[in-house]
PDB file of N, CA and C in Angstrom:
ATOM      1  N   UNK A   1      66.853  15.631 -37.256  1.00  0.00           N
ATOM      2  CA  UNK A   1      67.990  16.510 -37.195  1.00  0.00           C
ATOM      3  C   UNK A   1      68.986  15.954 -38.198  1.00  0.00           C
ATOM      4  N   UNK A   2      69.472  16.825 -39.110  1.00  0.00           N
ATOM      5  CA  UNK A   2      70.545  16.424 -40.053  1.00  0.00           C
ATOM      6  C   UNK A   2      71.815  15.925 -39.500  1.00  0.00           C
ATOM      7  N   UNK A   3      72.444  15.203 -40.305  1.00  0.00           N
ATOM      8  CA  UNK A   3      73.831  14.570 -39.729  1.00  0.00           C
ATOM      9  C   UNK A   3      74.780  15.656 -39.197  1.00  0.00           C
ATOM     10  N   UNK A   4      74.922  16.819 -40.052  1.00  0.00           N
ATOM     11  CA  UNK A   4      75.871  17.858 -39.489  1.00  0.00           C
ATOM     12  C   UNK A   4      75.324  18.621 -38.318  1.00  0.00           C
ATOM     13  N   UNK A   5      74.031  18.761 -38.336  1.00  0.00           N
ATOM     14  CA  UNK A   5      73.468  19.390 -37.059  1.00  0.00           C
ATOM     15  C   UNK A   5      73.668  18.486 -35.694  1.00  0.00           C
ATOM     16  N   UNK A   6      73.558  17.186 -36.078  1.00  0.00           N
ATOM     17  CA  UNK A   6      73.792  16.233 -34.951  1.00  0.00           C
ATOM     18  C   UNK A   6      75.206  16.145 -34.554  1.00  0.00           C
ATOM     19  N   UNK A   7      76.189  16.375 -35.474  1.00  0.00           N
ATOM     20  CA  UNK A   7      77.570  16.403 -35.053  1.00  0.00           C
ATOM     21  C   UNK A   7      77.738  17.655 -34.318  1.00  0.00           C
ATOM     22  N   UNK A   8      77.295  18.820 -34.677  1.00  0.00           N
ATOM     23  CA  UNK A   8      77.553  20.103 -33.984  1.00  0.00           C
ATOM     24  C   UNK A   8      76.876  20.026 -32.555  1.00  0.00           C
ATOM     25  N   UNK A   9      75.651  19.589 -32.457  1.00  0.00           N
ATOM     26  CA  UNK A   9      75.011  19.570 -31.218  1.00  0.00           C
ATOM     27  C   UNK A   9      75.615  18.511 -30.336  1.00  0.00           C
ATOM     28  N   UNK A  10      76.197  17.415 -30.874  1.00  0.00           N
ATOM     29  CA  UNK A  10      76.696  16.355 -30.160  1.00  0.00           C
ATOM     30  C   UNK A  10      78.132  16.747 -29.649  1.00  0.00           C
ATOM     31  N   UNK A  11      78.820  17.591 -30.383  1.00  0.00           N
ATOM     32  CA  UNK A  11      80.057  18.074 -29.878  1.00  0.00           C
ATOM     33  C   UNK A  11      79.810  19.090 -28.796  1.00  0.00           C
ATOM     34  N   UNK A  12      78.956  19.865 -29.008  1.00  0.00           N
ATOM     35  CA  UNK A  12      78.601  20.798 -27.767  1.00  0.00           C
ATOM     36  C   UNK A  12      78.154  20.043 -26.549  1.00  0.00           C
ATOM     37  N   UNK A  13      77.208  19.087 -26.693  1.00  0.00           N
ATOM     38  CA  UNK A  13      76.757  18.272 -25.564  1.00  0.00           C
ATOM     39  C   UNK A  13      77.864  17.395 -25.002  1.00  0.00           C
ATOM     40  N   UNK A  14      78.740  16.778 -25.738  1.00  0.00           N
ATOM     41  CA  UNK A  14      79.946  16.201 -25.266  1.00  0.00           C
ATOM     42  C   UNK A  14      80.815  17.060 -24.460  1.00  0.00           C
ATOM     43  N   UNK A  15      80.917  18.239 -24.857  1.00  0.00           N
ATOM     44  CA  UNK A  15      81.912  19.243 -24.125  1.00  0.00           C
ATOM     45  C   UNK A  15      81.180  19.573 -22.791  1.00  0.00           C
ATOM     46  N   UNK A  16      79.838  19.828 -22.935  1.00  0.00           N
ATOM     47  CA  UNK A  16      79.017  20.222 -21.725  1.00  0.00           C
ATOM     48  C   UNK A  16      78.840  19.124 -20.641  1.00  0.00           C
ATOM     49  N   UNK A  17      78.668  17.892 -21.205  1.00  0.00           N
ATOM     50  CA  UNK A  17      78.588  16.698 -20.217  1.00  0.00           C
ATOM     51  C   UNK A  17      79.996  16.384 -19.667  1.00  0.00           C
ATOM     52  N   UNK A  18      81.005  16.527 -20.286  1.00  0.00           N
ATOM     53  CA  UNK A  18      82.346  16.137 -19.728  1.00  0.00           C
ATOM     54  C   UNK A  18      82.752  17.152 -18.623  1.00  0.00           C
ATOM     55  N   UNK A  19      82.330  18.417 -18.985  1.00  0.00           N
ATOM     56  CA  UNK A  19      82.508  19.418 -17.889  1.00  0.00           C
ATOM     57  C   UNK A  19      81.622  19.191 -16.600  1.00  0.00           C
ATOM     58  N   UNK A  20      80.269  18.908 -16.812  1.00  0.00           N
ATOM     59  CA  UNK A  20      79.590  18.619 -15.770  1.00  0.00           C
ATOM     60  C   UNK A  20      79.917  17.428 -14.966  1.00  0.00           C
ATOM     61  N   UNK A  21      80.515  16.467 -15.615  1.00  0.00           N
ATOM     62  CA  UNK A  21      80.812  15.280 -14.830  1.00  0.00           C
ATOM     63  C   UNK A  21      82.347  15.406 -14.487  1.00  0.00           C
ATOM     64  N   UNK A  22      83.009  16.396 -14.708  1.00  0.00           N
ATOM     65  CA  UNK A  22      84.499  16.613 -14.317  1.00  0.00           C
ATOM     66  C   UNK A  22      85.399  15.562 -14.926  1.00  0.00           C
ATOM     67  N   UNK A  23      85.086  15.311 -16.115  1.00  0.00           N
ATOM     68  CA  UNK A  23      85.922  14.455 -16.856  1.00  0.00           C
ATOM     69  C   UNK A  23      87.043  15.110 -17.743  1.00  0.00           C
ATOM     70  N   UNK A  24      88.211  14.737 -17.592  1.00  0.00           N
ATOM     71  CA  UNK A  24      89.241  15.337 -18.675  1.00  0.00           C
ATOM     72  C   UNK A  24      89.463  14.469 -19.705  1.00  0.00           C
ATOM     73  N   UNK A  25      89.081  14.834 -20.872  1.00  0.00           N
ATOM     74  CA  UNK A  25      89.146  13.985 -22.207  1.00  0.00           C
ATOM     75  C   UNK A  25      89.664  15.005 -23.301  1.00  0.00           C
ATOM     76  N   UNK A  26      90.142  14.462 -24.227  1.00  0.00           N
ATOM     77  CA  UNK A  26      90.635  15.072 -25.404  1.00  0.00           C
ATOM     78  C   UNK A  26      89.496  15.526 -26.187  1.00  0.00           C
ATOM     79  N   UNK A  27      89.779  16.220 -27.284  1.00  0.00           N
ATOM     80  CA  UNK A  27      88.781  16.742 -28.271  1.00  0.00           C
ATOM     81  C   UNK A  27      88.108  15.458 -28.913  1.00  0.00           C
ATOM     82  N   UNK A  28      88.873  14.450 -29.453  1.00  0.00           N
ATOM     83  CA  UNK A  28      88.140  13.398 -30.128  1.00  0.00           C
ATOM     84  C   UNK A  28      87.245  12.652 -29.254  1.00  0.00           C
ATOM     85  N   UNK A  29      87.740  12.253 -28.032  1.00  0.00           N
ATOM     86  CA  UNK A  29      86.775  11.373 -27.308  1.00  0.00           C
ATOM     87  C   UNK A  29      85.540  12.241 -26.828  1.00  0.00           C
ATOM     88  N   UNK A  30      85.765  13.495 -26.539  1.00  0.00           N
ATOM     89  CA  UNK A  30      84.521  14.438 -26.254  1.00  0.00           C
ATOM     90  C   UNK A  30      83.693  14.543 -27.259  1.00  0.00           C
ATOM     91  N   UNK A  31      84.054  14.792 -28.434  1.00  0.00           N
ATOM     92  CA  UNK A  31      83.036  14.815 -29.614  1.00  0.00           C
ATOM     93  C   UNK A  31      82.398  13.446 -29.862  1.00  0.00           C
ATOM     94  N   UNK A  32      83.229  12.374 -29.702  1.00  0.00           N
ATOM     95  CA  UNK A  32      82.693  11.039 -30.035  1.00  0.00           C
ATOM     96  C   UNK A  32      81.600  10.818 -29.047  1.00  0.00           C
ATOM     97  N   UNK A  33      81.783  11.022 -27.760  1.00  0.00           N
ATOM     98  CA  UNK A  33      80.823  10.629 -26.575  1.00  0.00           C
ATOM     99  C   UNK A  33      79.620  11.670 -26.926  1.00  0.00           C
ATOM    100  N   UNK A  34      79.907  12.953 -27.336  1.00  0.00           N
ATOM    101  CA  UNK A  34      78.813  13.813 -27.512  1.00  0.00           C
ATOM    102  C   UNK A  34      77.912  13.379 -28.663  1.00  0.00           C
ATOM    103  N   UNK A  35      78.445  12.926 -29.822  1.00  0.00           N
ATOM    104  CA  UNK A  35      77.819  12.508 -30.931  1.00  0.00           C
ATOM    105  C   UNK A  35      76.948  11.138 -30.702  1.00  0.00           C
ATOM    106  N   UNK A  36      77.659  10.167 -30.003  1.00  0.00           N
ATOM    107  CA  UNK A  36      77.011   8.996 -29.763  1.00  0.00           C
ATOM    108  C   UNK A  36      75.946   9.253 -28.682  1.00  0.00           C
ATOM    109  N   UNK A  37      76.144  10.119 -27.772  1.00  0.00           N
ATOM    110  CA  UNK A  37      75.093  10.527 -26.900  1.00  0.00           C
ATOM    111  C   UNK A  37      74.006  11.188 -27.458  1.00  0.00           C
ATOM    112  N   UNK A  38      74.205  12.049 -28.517  1.00  0.00           N
ATOM    113  CA  UNK A  38      73.309  12.730 -29.200  1.00  0.00           C
ATOM    114  C   UNK A  38      72.169  11.791 -29.867  1.00  0.00           C
ATOM    115  N   UNK A  39      72.931  10.784 -30.549  1.00  0.00           N
ATOM    116  CA  UNK A  39      72.028   9.752 -31.302  1.00  0.00           C
ATOM    117  C   UNK A  39      71.299   8.965 -30.322  1.00  0.00           C
ATOM    118  N   UNK A  40      71.854   8.414 -29.202  1.00  0.00           N
ATOM    119  CA  UNK A  40      71.284   7.568 -28.239  1.00  0.00           C
ATOM    120  C   UNK A  40      70.119   8.490 -27.413  1.00  0.00           C
ATOM    121  N   UNK A  41      70.557   9.529 -26.864  1.00  0.00           N
ATOM    122  CA  UNK A  41      69.858  10.319 -26.097  1.00  0.00           C
ATOM    123  C   UNK A  41      68.657  10.962 -26.908  1.00  0.00           C
ATOM    124  N   UNK A  42      68.946  11.561 -27.974  1.00  0.00           N
ATOM    125  CA  UNK A  42      67.942  12.252 -28.895  1.00  0.00           C
ATOM    126  C   UNK A  42      66.886  11.260 -29.288  1.00  0.00           C
ATOM    127  N   UNK A  43      67.359   9.942 -29.606  1.00  0.00           N
ATOM    128  CA  UNK A  43      66.226   8.845 -30.010  1.00  0.00           C
ATOM    129  C   UNK A  43      65.388   8.582 -28.806  1.00  0.00           C
ATOM    130  N   UNK A  44      66.030   8.342 -27.632  1.00  0.00           N
ATOM    131  CA  UNK A  44      65.277   8.039 -26.468  1.00  0.00           C
ATOM    132  C   UNK A  44      64.340   9.076 -26.222  1.00  0.00           C
ATOM    133  N   UNK A  45      64.925  10.264 -26.036  1.00  0.00           N
ATOM    134  CA  UNK A  45      64.031  11.465 -25.604  1.00  0.00           C
ATOM    135  C   UNK A  45      62.890  11.798 -26.422  1.00  0.00           C
ATOM    136  N   UNK A  46      62.998  11.558 -27.731  1.00  0.00           N
ATOM    137  CA  UNK A  46      62.001  11.742 -28.747  1.00  0.00           C
ATOM    138  C   UNK A  46      61.038  10.728 -28.625  1.00  0.00           C
ATOM    139  N   UNK A  47      61.382   9.511 -28.239  1.00  0.00           N
ATOM    140  CA  UNK A  47      60.447   8.426 -28.071  1.00  0.00           C
ATOM    141  C   UNK A  47      59.591   8.572 -26.905  1.00  0.00           C
ATOM    142  N   UNK A  48      60.293   9.031 -25.891  1.00  0.00           N
ATOM    143  CA  UNK A  48      59.608   9.222 -24.623  1.00  0.00           C
ATOM    144  C   UNK A  48      58.670  10.524 -24.492  1.00  0.00           C
ATOM    145  N   UNK A  49      59.100  11.499 -25.257  1.00  0.00           N
ATOM    146  CA  UNK A  49      58.390  12.867 -25.166  1.00  0.00           C
ATOM    147  C   UNK A  49      58.183  13.146 -26.531  1.00  0.00           C
ATOM    148  N   UNK A  50      56.984  13.460 -26.839  1.00  0.00           N
ATOM    149  CA  UNK A  50      56.593  13.776 -28.227  1.00  0.00           C
ATOM    150  C   UNK A  50      56.835  15.452 -28.470  1.00  0.00           C
ATOM    151  N   UNK A  51      58.031  15.808 -28.204  1.00  0.00           N
ATOM    152  CA  UNK A  51      58.367  17.076 -28.393  1.00  0.00           C
ATOM    153  C   UNK A  51      59.551  17.233 -29.376  1.00  0.00           C
ATOM    154  N   UNK A  52      59.242  17.915 -30.570  1.00  0.00           N
ATOM    155  CA  UNK A  52      60.334  17.952 -31.549  1.00  0.00           C
ATOM    156  C   UNK A  52      61.161  19.315 -31.374  1.00  0.00           C
ATOM    157  N   UNK A  53      62.176  19.416 -31.971  1.00  0.00           N
ATOM    158  CA  UNK A  53      62.881  20.734 -31.782  1.00  0.00           C
ATOM    159  C   UNK A  53      64.391  20.484 -31.336  1.00  0.00           C
ATOM    160  N   UNK A  54      65.139  21.607 -31.487  1.00  0.00           N
ATOM    161  CA  UNK A  54      66.545  21.588 -31.226  1.00  0.00           C
ATOM    162  C   UNK A  54      66.915  21.307 -29.723  1.00  0.00           C
ATOM    163  N   UNK A  55      65.954  21.993 -28.947  1.00  0.00           N
ATOM    164  CA  UNK A  55      66.249  21.922 -27.516  1.00  0.00           C
ATOM    165  C   UNK A  55      66.074  20.538 -26.909  1.00  0.00           C
ATOM    166  N   UNK A  56      65.000  19.820 -27.229  1.00  0.00           N
ATOM    167  CA  UNK A  56      64.748  18.531 -27.001  1.00  0.00           C
ATOM    168  C   UNK A  56      65.960  17.605 -27.275  1.00  0.00           C
ATOM    169  N   UNK A  57      66.496  17.753 -28.518  1.00  0.00           N
ATOM    170  CA  UNK A  57      67.519  17.077 -29.087  1.00  0.00           C
ATOM    171  C   UNK A  57      68.933  17.339 -28.211  1.00  0.00           C
ATOM    172  N   UNK A  58      69.097  18.607 -27.904  1.00  0.00           N
ATOM    173  CA  UNK A  58      70.176  18.929 -27.076  1.00  0.00           C
ATOM    174  C   UNK A  58      70.086  18.324 -25.649  1.00  0.00           C
ATOM    175  N   UNK A  59      69.014  18.464 -24.996  1.00  0.00           N
ATOM    176  CA  UNK A  59      68.867  17.948 -23.651  1.00  0.00           C
ATOM    177  C   UNK A  59      69.066  16.388 -23.747  1.00  0.00           C
ATOM    178  N   UNK A  60      68.585  15.705 -24.811  1.00  0.00           N
ATOM    179  CA  UNK A  60      68.620  14.245 -24.929  1.00  0.00           C
ATOM    180  C   UNK A  60      70.210  14.037 -25.245  1.00  0.00           C
ATOM    181  N   UNK A  61      70.761  14.867 -25.900  1.00  0.00           N
ATOM    182  CA  UNK A  61      72.240  14.595 -26.352  1.00  0.00           C
ATOM    183  C   UNK A  61      73.100  14.771 -25.138  1.00  0.00           C
ATOM    184  N   UNK A  62      72.852  15.688 -24.234  1.00  0.00           N
ATOM    185  CA  UNK A  62      73.630  15.870 -22.911  1.00  0.00           C
ATOM    186  C   UNK A  62      73.314  14.705 -21.944  1.00  0.00           C
ATOM    187  N   UNK A  63      72.092  14.392 -21.824  1.00  0.00           N
ATOM    188  CA  UNK A  63      71.753  13.154 -21.125  1.00  0.00           C
ATOM    189  C   UNK A  63      72.342  11.869 -21.560  1.00  0.00           C
ATOM    190  N   UNK A  64      72.342  11.616 -22.862  1.00  0.00           N
ATOM    191  CA  UNK A  64      73.101  10.517 -23.537  1.00  0.00           C
ATOM    192  C   UNK A  64      74.549  10.393 -23.351  1.00  0.00           C
ATOM    193  N   UNK A  65      75.147  11.603 -23.506  1.00  0.00           N
ATOM    194  CA  UNK A  65      76.511  11.824 -23.223  1.00  0.00           C
ATOM    195  C   UNK A  65      76.931  11.419 -21.800  1.00  0.00           C
ATOM    196  N   UNK A  66      76.213  12.116 -20.904  1.00  0.00           N
ATOM    197  CA  UNK A  66      76.525  11.700 -19.438  1.00  0.00           C
ATOM    198  C   UNK A  66      76.344  10.254 -19.229  1.00  0.00           C
ATOM    199  N   UNK A  67      75.319   9.561 -19.767  1.00  0.00           N
ATOM    200  CA  UNK A  67      75.021   8.219 -19.507  1.00  0.00           C
ATOM    201  C   UNK A  67      76.311   7.347 -20.021  1.00  0.00           C
ATOM    202  N   UNK A  68      76.863   7.831 -21.245  1.00  0.00           N
ATOM    203  CA  UNK A  68      77.969   7.097 -21.849  1.00  0.00           C
ATOM    204  C   UNK A  68      79.178   7.275 -20.986  1.00  0.00           C
ATOM    205  N   UNK A  69      79.382   8.603 -20.416  1.00  0.00           N
ATOM    206  CA  UNK A  69      80.419   8.844 -19.660  1.00  0.00           C
ATOM    207  C   UNK A  69      80.486   8.050 -18.257  1.00  0.00           C
ATOM    208  N   UNK A  70      79.270   7.890 -17.706  1.00  0.00           N
ATOM    209  CA  UNK A  70      79.145   7.187 -16.383  1.00  0.00           C
ATOM    210  C   UNK A  70      79.406   5.592 -16.886  1.00  0.00           C
ATOM    211  N   UNK A  71      78.844   5.164 -17.896  1.00  0.00           N
ATOM    212  CA  UNK A  71      79.166   3.805 -18.206  1.00  0.00           C
ATOM    213  C   UNK A  71      80.655   3.533 -18.504  1.00  0.00           C
ATOM    214  N   UNK A  72      81.243   4.404 -19.069  1.00  0.00           N
ATOM    215  CA  UNK A  72      82.650   4.381 -19.360  1.00  0.00           C
ATOM    216  C   UNK A  72      83.425   4.433 -18.087  1.00  0.00           C
ATOM    217  N   UNK A  73      83.110   5.200 -17.079  1.00  0.00           N
ATOM    218  CA  UNK A  73      83.748   5.329 -15.786  1.00  0.00           C
ATOM    219  C   UNK A  73      83.575   4.079 -15.133  1.00  0.00           C
ATOM    220  N   UNK A  74      82.383   3.380 -15.183  1.00  0.00           N
ATOM    221  CA  UNK A  74      82.063   2.254 -14.410  1.00  0.00           C
ATOM    222  C   UNK A  74      82.591   1.013 -14.972  1.00  0.00           C
ATOM    223  N   UNK A  75      82.569   0.878 -16.358  1.00  0.00           N
ATOM    224  CA  UNK A  75      82.966  -0.468 -16.983  1.00  0.00           C
ATOM    225  C   UNK A  75      84.220  -0.276 -17.843  1.00  0.00           C
ATOM    226  N   UNK A  76      84.621   0.909 -18.195  1.00  0.00           N
ATOM    227  CA  UNK A  76      85.781   1.011 -19.040  1.00  0.00           C
ATOM    228  C   UNK A  76      87.069   0.538 -18.415  1.00  0.00           C
ATOM    229  N   UNK A  77      88.146   0.693 -19.254  1.00  0.00           N
ATOM    230  CA  UNK A  77      89.415   0.088 -18.834  1.00  0.00           C
ATOM    231  C   UNK A  77      89.946   1.008 -17.407  1.00  0.00           C
ATOM    232  N   UNK A  78      90.516   0.329 -16.510  1.00  0.00           N
ATOM    233  CA  UNK A  78      90.836   1.038 -15.325  1.00  0.00           C
ATOM    234  C   UNK A  78      92.384   1.517 -15.527  1.00  0.00           C
ATOM    235  N   UNK A  79      92.640   2.657 -14.996  1.00  0.00           N
ATOM    236  CA  UNK A  79      94.111   3.266 -14.940  1.00  0.00           C
ATOM    237  C   UNK A  79      95.070   2.610 -13.996  1.00  0.00           C
TER     238      UNK A  79
END
């Protein structure tokens, strides 16, 4: 997946993941979580499942973003 496509998919995945997990975050953290999740989840999913394509990348991006949100909630700074 190209870098621009990964940013777009990551932004969508971050938005989707934050809404699924009920997290209120600004635009920049949402996109950042989504892009990082897209990288992490996309690589892991593609390594585990030999399925190429945008849908596999999007599913991996959402799962990766949800994992990062969960880790942030568990180990991030307390309010």
